[in-house]
Amino acid sequence: MTPEEKVLLDRTLKLSEENNKILLDLRKSVRLAFLWGLMKFVLIVGPLILGYIYLEPYLGSYMDTIKSAQELLQGF
């Protein structure tokens, strides 16, 4: 192996190690972004779904009251 080839091989090794480090950091960033997006989704949509599930019986009776009030007003 000539000295030039050895220099090129060492340079290639350093570049590949640097690329590997960049790729690992990028993978970590993508994972964190996915988890953050999932957490935001759960924090926004979760309470909406739970609120609908728990409040739906009350909203049904409230809607019945509104319908009867509308029918009463239409009678006048």
PDB file of N, CA and C in Angstrom:
ATOM      1  N   MET A   1       0.842  -1.154   0.000  1.00  0.00           N
ATOM      2  CA  MET A   1       0.000   0.000   0.000  1.00  0.00           C
ATOM      3  C   MET A   1       0.901   1.235   0.000  1.00  0.00           C
ATOM      4  N   THR A   2       0.586   2.132  -0.890  1.00  0.00           N
ATOM      5  CA  THR A   2       1.398   3.350  -0.993  1.00  0.00           C
ATOM      6  C   THR A   2       0.949   4.344   0.069  1.00  0.00           C
ATOM      7  N   PRO A   3       1.817   5.301   0.361  1.00  0.00           N
ATOM      8  CA  PRO A   3       1.443   6.318   1.359  1.00  0.00           C
ATOM      9  C   PRO A   3       0.190   7.109   0.944  1.00  0.00           C
ATOM     10  N   GLU A   4       0.024   7.342  -0.353  1.00  0.00           N
ATOM     11  CA  GLU A   4      -1.166   8.077  -0.810  1.00  0.00           C
ATOM     12  C   GLU A   4      -2.438   7.267  -0.556  1.00  0.00           C
ATOM     13  N   GLU A   5      -2.357   5.977  -0.798  1.00  0.00           N
ATOM     14  CA  GLU A   5      -3.514   5.122  -0.557  1.00  0.00           C
ATOM     15  C   GLU A   5      -3.853   5.071   0.927  1.00  0.00           C
ATOM     16  N   LYS A   6      -2.809   5.043   1.746  1.00  0.00           N
ATOM     17  CA  LYS A   6      -3.049   5.015   3.196  1.00  0.00           C
ATOM     18  C   LYS A   6      -3.716   6.307   3.655  1.00  0.00           C
ATOM     19  N   VAL A   7      -3.277   7.433   3.120  1.00  0.00           N
ATOM     20  CA  VAL A   7      -3.885   8.724   3.474  1.00  0.00           C
ATOM     21  C   VAL A   7      -5.351   8.740   3.029  1.00  0.00           C
ATOM     22  N   LEU A   8      -5.617   8.275   1.810  1.00  0.00           N
ATOM     23  CA  LEU A   8      -6.992   8.237   1.307  1.00  0.00           C
ATOM     24  C   LEU A   8      -7.863   7.297   2.145  1.00  0.00           C
ATOM     25  N   LEU A   9      -7.306   6.180   2.538  1.00  0.00           N
ATOM     26  CA  LEU A   9      -8.052   5.229   3.363  1.00  0.00           C
ATOM     27  C   LEU A   9      -8.362   5.813   4.740  1.00  0.00           C
ATOM     28  N   ASP A  10      -7.392   6.488   5.331  1.00  0.00           N
ATOM     29  CA  ASP A  10      -7.634   7.138   6.625  1.00  0.00           C
ATOM     30  C   ASP A  10      -8.686   8.236   6.505  1.00  0.00           C
ATOM     31  N   ARG A  11      -8.609   9.008   5.430  1.00  0.00           N
ATOM     32  CA  ARG A  11      -9.595  10.076   5.209  1.00  0.00           C
ATOM     33  C   ARG A  11     -10.991   9.481   5.016  1.00  0.00           C
ATOM     34  N   THR A  12     -11.069   8.408   4.275  1.00  0.00           N
ATOM     35  CA  THR A  12     -12.360   7.745   4.060  1.00  0.00           C
ATOM     36  C   THR A  12     -12.921   7.216   5.377  1.00  0.00           C
ATOM     37  N   LEU A  13     -12.063   6.659   6.205  1.00  0.00           N
ATOM     38  CA  LEU A  13     -12.494   6.156   7.507  1.00  0.00           C
ATOM     39  C   LEU A  13     -13.042   7.287   8.376  1.00  0.00           C
ATOM     40  N   LYS A  14     -12.350   8.408   8.415  1.00  0.00           N
ATOM     41  CA  LYS A  14     -12.804   9.543   9.217  1.00  0.00           C
ATOM     42  C   LYS A  14     -14.147  10.067   8.703  1.00  0.00           C
ATOM     43  N   LEU A  15     -14.288  10.167   7.391  1.00  0.00           N
ATOM     44  CA  LEU A  15     -15.546  10.650   6.819  1.00  0.00           C
ATOM     45  C   LEU A  15     -16.700   9.692   7.098  1.00  0.00           C
ATOM     46  N   SER A  16     -16.424   8.403   6.998  1.00  0.00           N
ATOM     47  CA  SER A  16     -17.498   7.435   7.257  1.00  0.00           C
ATOM     48  C   SER A  16     -17.903   7.447   8.736  1.00  0.00           C
ATOM     49  N   GLU A  17     -16.958   7.616   9.641  1.00  0.00           N
ATOM     50  CA  GLU A  17     -17.295   7.724  11.062  1.00  0.00           C
ATOM     51  C   GLU A  17     -18.103   8.989  11.337  1.00  0.00           C
ATOM     52  N   GLU A  18     -17.747  10.077  10.675  1.00  0.00           N
ATOM     53  CA  GLU A  18     -18.494  11.321  10.833  1.00  0.00           C
ATOM     54  C   GLU A  18     -19.918  11.169  10.281  1.00  0.00           C
ATOM     55  N   ASN A  19     -20.040  10.523   9.125  1.00  0.00           N
ATOM     56  CA  ASN A  19     -21.366  10.279   8.549  1.00  0.00           C
ATOM     57  C   ASN A  19     -22.209   9.399   9.464  1.00  0.00           C
ATOM     58  N   ASN A  20     -21.594   8.388  10.052  1.00  0.00           N
ATOM     59  CA  ASN A  20     -22.311   7.505  10.974  1.00  0.00           C
ATOM     60  C   ASN A  20     -22.826   8.283  12.175  1.00  0.00           C
ATOM     61  N   LYS A  21     -22.014   9.161  12.705  1.00  0.00           N
ATOM     62  CA  LYS A  21     -22.430   9.975  13.850  1.00  0.00           C
ATOM     63  C   LYS A  21     -23.596  10.883  13.466  1.00  0.00           C
ATOM     64  N   ILE A  22     -23.524  11.491  12.302  1.00  0.00           N
ATOM     65  CA  ILE A  22     -24.605  12.361  11.839  1.00  0.00           C
ATOM     66  C   ILE A  22     -25.896  11.565  11.667  1.00  0.00           C
ATOM     67  N   LEU A  23     -25.791  10.377  11.088  1.00  0.00           N
ATOM     68  CA  LEU A  23     -26.976   9.544  10.886  1.00  0.00           C
ATOM     69  C   LEU A  23     -27.592   9.101  12.210  1.00  0.00           C
ATOM     70  N   LEU A  24     -26.772   8.777  13.183  1.00  0.00           N
ATOM     71  CA  LEU A  24     -27.299   8.392  14.494  1.00  0.00           C
ATOM     72  C   LEU A  24     -28.012   9.564  15.162  1.00  0.00           C
ATOM     73  N   ASP A  25     -27.431  10.759  15.057  1.00  0.00           N
ATOM     74  CA  ASP A  25     -28.081  11.941  15.612  1.00  0.00           C
ATOM     75  C   ASP A  25     -29.395  12.237  14.897  1.00  0.00           C
ATOM     76  N   LEU A  26     -29.412  12.037  13.587  1.00  0.00           N
ATOM     77  CA  LEU A  26     -30.632  12.256  12.816  1.00  0.00           C
ATOM     78  C   LEU A  26     -31.713  11.257  13.208  1.00  0.00           C
ATOM     79  N   ARG A  27     -31.344  10.009  13.403  1.00  0.00           N
ATOM     80  CA  ARG A  27     -32.299   8.991  13.827  1.00  0.00           C
ATOM     81  C   ARG A  27     -32.882   9.341  15.192  1.00  0.00           C
ATOM     82  N   LYS A  28     -32.031   9.815  16.089  1.00  0.00           N
ATOM     83  CA  LYS A  28     -32.494  10.214  17.417  1.00  0.00           C
ATOM     84  C   LYS A  28     -33.476  11.388  17.317  1.00  0.00           C
ATOM     85  N   SER A  29     -33.179  12.344  16.463  1.00  0.00           N
ATOM     86  CA  SER A  29     -34.068  13.490  16.288  1.00  0.00           C
ATOM     87  C   SER A  29     -35.413  13.074  15.713  1.00  0.00           C
ATOM     88  N   VAL A  30     -35.409  12.147  14.770  1.00  0.00           N
ATOM     89  CA  VAL A  30     -36.664  11.667  14.176  1.00  0.00           C
ATOM     90  C   VAL A  30     -37.502  10.948  15.221  1.00  0.00           C
ATOM     91  N   ARG A  31     -36.888  10.139  16.047  1.00  0.00           N
ATOM     92  CA  ARG A  31     -37.620   9.437  17.107  1.00  0.00           C
ATOM     93  C   ARG A  31     -38.247  10.420  18.088  1.00  0.00           C
ATOM     94  N   LEU A  32     -37.469  11.423  18.491  1.00  0.00           N
ATOM     95  CA  LEU A  32     -37.996  12.412  19.430  1.00  0.00           C
ATOM     96  C   LEU A  32     -39.129  13.212  18.799  1.00  0.00           C
ATOM     97  N   ALA A  33     -39.016  13.555  17.524  1.00  0.00           N
ATOM     98  CA  ALA A  33     -40.078  14.292  16.845  1.00  0.00           C
ATOM     99  C   ALA A  33     -41.345  13.442  16.760  1.00  0.00           C
ATOM    100  N   PHE A  34     -41.200  12.148  16.499  1.00  0.00           N
ATOM    101  CA  PHE A  34     -42.360  11.259  16.451  1.00  0.00           C
ATOM    102  C   PHE A  34     -43.030  11.171  17.815  1.00  0.00           C
ATOM    103  N   LEU A  35     -42.236  10.991  18.860  1.00  0.00           N
ATOM    104  CA  LEU A  35     -42.801  10.901  20.206  1.00  0.00           C
ATOM    105  C   LEU A  35     -43.479  12.204  20.617  1.00  0.00           C
ATOM    106  N   TRP A  36     -42.890  13.327  20.268  1.00  0.00           N
ATOM    107  CA  TRP A  36     -43.477  14.622  20.601  1.00  0.00           C
ATOM    108  C   TRP A  36     -44.804  14.804  19.862  1.00  0.00           C
ATOM    109  N   GLY A  37     -44.851  14.429  18.591  1.00  0.00           N
ATOM    110  CA  GLY A  37     -46.094  14.520  17.831  1.00  0.00           C
ATOM    111  C   GLY A  37     -47.173  13.610  18.390  1.00  0.00           C
ATOM    112  N   LEU A  38     -46.785  12.405  18.780  1.00  0.00           N
ATOM    113  CA  LEU A  38     -47.731  11.472  19.369  1.00  0.00           C
ATOM    114  C   LEU A  38     -48.266  12.004  20.695  1.00  0.00           C
ATOM    115  N   MET A  39     -47.392  12.589  21.498  1.00  0.00           N
ATOM    116  CA  MET A  39     -47.802  13.141  22.780  1.00  0.00           C
ATOM    117  C   MET A  39     -48.767  14.316  22.574  1.00  0.00           C
ATOM    118  N   LYS A  40     -48.481  15.171  21.599  1.00  0.00           N
ATOM    119  CA  LYS A  40     -49.386  16.286  21.318  1.00  0.00           C
ATOM    120  C   LYS A  40     -50.749  15.764  20.865  1.00  0.00           C
ATOM    121  N   PHE A  41     -50.750  14.746  20.028  1.00  0.00           N
ATOM    122  CA  PHE A  41     -52.007  14.170  19.543  1.00  0.00           C
ATOM    123  C   PHE A  41     -52.823  13.617  20.695  1.00  0.00           C
ATOM    124  N   VAL A  42     -52.166  12.879  21.581  1.00  0.00           N
ATOM    125  CA  VAL A  42     -52.866  12.283  22.726  1.00  0.00           C
ATOM    126  C   VAL A  42     -53.389  13.370  23.659  1.00  0.00           C
ATOM    127  N   LEU A  43     -52.602  14.412  23.874  1.00  0.00           N
ATOM    128  CA  LEU A  43     -53.026  15.475  24.783  1.00  0.00           C
ATOM    129  C   LEU A  43     -54.155  16.321  24.210  1.00  0.00           C
ATOM    130  N   ILE A  44     -54.288  16.379  22.898  1.00  0.00           N
ATOM    131  CA  ILE A  44     -55.344  17.181  22.291  1.00  0.00           C
ATOM    132  C   ILE A  44     -56.578  16.332  22.012  1.00  0.00           C
ATOM    133  N   VAL A  45     -56.402  15.187  21.382  1.00  0.00           N
ATOM    134  CA  VAL A  45     -57.540  14.375  20.962  1.00  0.00           C
ATOM    135  C   VAL A  45     -58.077  13.527  22.112  1.00  0.00           C
ATOM    136  N   GLY A  46     -57.226  13.071  22.996  1.00  0.00           N
ATOM    137  CA  GLY A  46     -57.656  12.235  24.114  1.00  0.00           C
ATOM    138  C   GLY A  46     -58.734  12.875  24.970  1.00  0.00           C
ATOM    139  N   PRO A  47     -58.523  14.090  25.460  1.00  0.00           N
ATOM    140  CA  PRO A  47     -59.577  14.725  26.264  1.00  0.00           C
ATOM    141  C   PRO A  47     -60.867  14.970  25.475  1.00  0.00           C
ATOM    142  N   LEU A  48     -60.751  15.239  24.185  1.00  0.00           N
ATOM    143  CA  LEU A  48     -61.962  15.435  23.387  1.00  0.00           C
ATOM    144  C   LEU A  48     -62.792  14.155  23.331  1.00  0.00           C
ATOM    145  N   ILE A  49     -62.137  13.036  23.098  1.00  0.00           N
ATOM    146  CA  ILE A  49     -62.842  11.753  23.021  1.00  0.00           C
ATOM    147  C   ILE A  49     -63.423  11.385  24.386  1.00  0.00           C
ATOM    148  N   LEU A  50     -62.621  11.513  25.434  1.00  0.00           N
ATOM    149  CA  LEU A  50     -63.123  11.195  26.779  1.00  0.00           C
ATOM    150  C   LEU A  50     -64.254  12.127  27.185  1.00  0.00           C
ATOM    151  N   GLY A  51     -64.140  13.394  26.841  1.00  0.00           N
ATOM    152  CA  GLY A  51     -65.210  14.334  27.149  1.00  0.00           C
ATOM    153  C   GLY A  51     -66.495  13.967  26.439  1.00  0.00           C
ATOM    154  N   TYR A  52     -66.397  13.566  25.193  1.00  0.00           N
ATOM    155  CA  TYR A  52     -67.596  13.157  24.463  1.00  0.00           C
ATOM    156  C   TYR A  52     -68.208  11.907  25.081  1.00  0.00           C
ATOM    157  N   ILE A  53     -67.377  10.947  25.446  1.00  0.00           N
ATOM    158  CA  ILE A  53     -67.880   9.702  26.023  1.00  0.00           C
ATOM    159  C   ILE A  53     -68.612   9.967  27.344  1.00  0.00           C
ATOM    160  N   TYR A  54     -68.015  10.794  28.200  1.00  0.00           N
ATOM    161  CA  TYR A  54     -68.615  11.018  29.512  1.00  0.00           C
ATOM    162  C   TYR A  54     -69.753  12.040  29.496  1.00  0.00           C
ATOM    163  N   LEU A  55     -69.722  12.983  28.553  1.00  0.00           N
ATOM    164  CA  LEU A  55     -70.747  14.019  28.529  1.00  0.00           C
ATOM    165  C   LEU A  55     -71.905  13.702  27.589  1.00  0.00           C
ATOM    166  N   GLU A  56     -71.797  12.691  26.773  1.00  0.00           N
ATOM    167  CA  GLU A  56     -72.828  12.373  25.790  1.00  0.00           C
ATOM    168  C   GLU A  56     -74.194  12.112  26.419  1.00  0.00           C
ATOM    169  N   PRO A  57     -74.311  11.386  27.534  1.00  0.00           N
ATOM    170  CA  PRO A  57     -75.648  11.200  28.135  1.00  0.00           C
ATOM    171  C   PRO A  57     -76.274  12.530  28.577  1.00  0.00           C
ATOM    172  N   TYR A  58     -75.454  13.424  29.110  1.00  0.00           N
ATOM    173  CA  TYR A  58     -75.967  14.718  29.546  1.00  0.00           C
ATOM    174  C   TYR A  58     -76.354  15.580  28.351  1.00  0.00           C
ATOM    175  N   LEU A  59     -75.558  15.503  27.285  1.00  0.00           N
ATOM    176  CA  LEU A  59     -75.862  16.281  26.096  1.00  0.00           C
ATOM    177  C   LEU A  59     -77.140  15.790  25.435  1.00  0.00           C
ATOM    178  N   GLY A  60     -77.404  14.493  25.502  1.00  0.00           N
ATOM    179  CA  GLY A  60     -78.634  13.949  24.929  1.00  0.00           C
ATOM    180  C   GLY A  60     -79.856  14.510  25.616  1.00  0.00           C
ATOM    181  N   SER A  61     -79.845  14.540  26.933  1.00  0.00           N
ATOM    182  CA  SER A  61     -80.995  15.090  27.665  1.00  0.00           C
ATOM    183  C   SER A  61     -81.093  16.600  27.437  1.00  0.00           C
ATOM    184  N   TYR A  62     -79.979  17.269  27.298  1.00  0.00           N
ATOM    185  CA  TYR A  62     -79.970  18.707  27.022  1.00  0.00           C
ATOM    186  C   TYR A  62     -80.577  18.981  25.649  1.00  0.00           C
ATOM    187  N   MET A  63     -80.247  18.152  24.668  1.00  0.00           N
ATOM    188  CA  MET A  63     -80.803  18.320  23.319  1.00  0.00           C
ATOM    189  C   MET A  63     -82.305  18.078  23.331  1.00  0.00           C
ATOM    190  N   ASP A  64     -82.772  17.117  24.123  1.00  0.00           N
ATOM    191  CA  ASP A  64     -84.208  16.873  24.241  1.00  0.00           C
ATOM    192  C   ASP A  64     -84.916  18.095  24.821  1.00  0.00           C
ATOM    193  N   THR A  65     -84.303  18.722  25.797  1.00  0.00           N
ATOM    194  CA  THR A  65     -84.872  19.925  26.400  1.00  0.00           C
ATOM    195  C   THR A  65     -84.943  21.051  25.379  1.00  0.00           C
ATOM    196  N   ILE A  66     -83.910  21.211  24.585  1.00  0.00           N
ATOM    197  CA  ILE A  66     -83.893  22.260  23.559  1.00  0.00           C
ATOM    198  C   ILE A  66     -84.969  21.994  22.507  1.00  0.00           C
ATOM    199  N   LYS A  67     -85.128  20.740  22.104  1.00  0.00           N
ATOM    200  CA  LYS A  67     -86.152  20.403  21.110  1.00  0.00           C
ATOM    201  C   LYS A  67     -87.551  20.682  21.638  1.00  0.00           C
ATOM    202  N   SER A  68     -87.786  20.347  22.882  1.00  0.00           N
ATOM    203  CA  SER A  68     -89.116  20.624  23.448  1.00  0.00           C
ATOM    204  C   SER A  68     -89.347  22.111  23.562  1.00  0.00           C
ATOM    205  N   ALA A  69     -88.319  22.895  23.886  1.00  0.00           N
ATOM    206  CA  ALA A  69     -88.466  24.350  23.958  1.00  0.00           C
ATOM    207  C   ALA A  69     -88.745  24.924  22.572  1.00  0.00           C
ATOM    208  N   GLN A  70     -88.104  24.384  21.543  1.00  0.00           N
ATOM    209  CA  GLN A  70     -88.372  24.847  20.180  1.00  0.00           C
ATOM    210  C   GLN A  70     -89.799  24.525  19.760  1.00  0.00           C
ATOM    211  N   GLU A  71     -90.266  23.347  20.101  1.00  0.00           N
ATOM    212  CA  GLU A  71     -91.636  22.976  19.761  1.00  0.00           C
ATOM    213  C   GLU A  71     -92.635  23.876  20.485  1.00  0.00           C
ATOM    214  N   LEU A  72     -92.329  24.219  21.715  1.00  0.00           N
ATOM    215  CA  LEU A  72     -93.182  25.105  22.485  1.00  0.00           C
ATOM    216  C   LEU A  72     -93.230  26.485  21.838  1.00  0.00           C
ATOM    217  N   LEU A  73     -92.063  26.988  21.413  1.00  0.00           N
ATOM    218  CA  LEU A  73     -92.015  28.311  20.782  1.00  0.00           C
ATOM    219  C   LEU A  73     -92.695  28.305  19.426  1.00  0.00           C
ATOM    220  N   GLN A  74     -92.616  27.199  18.699  1.00  0.00           N
ATOM    221  CA  GLN A  74     -93.281  27.136  17.399  1.00  0.00           C
ATOM    222  C   GLN A  74     -94.798  27.081  17.569  1.00  0.00           C
ATOM    223  N   GLY A  75     -95.263  26.632  18.715  1.00  0.00           N
ATOM    224  CA  GLY A  75     -96.694  26.584  18.977  1.00  0.00           C
ATOM    225  C   GLY A  75     -97.306  27.963  19.131  1.00  0.00           C
ATOM    226  N   PHE A  76     -96.502  28.960  19.457  1.00  0.00           N
ATOM    227  CA  PHE A  76     -97.028  30.320  19.625  1.00  0.00           C
ATOM    228  C   PHE A  76     -97.164  30.972  18.312  1.00  0.00           C
TER     229      PHE A  76
END
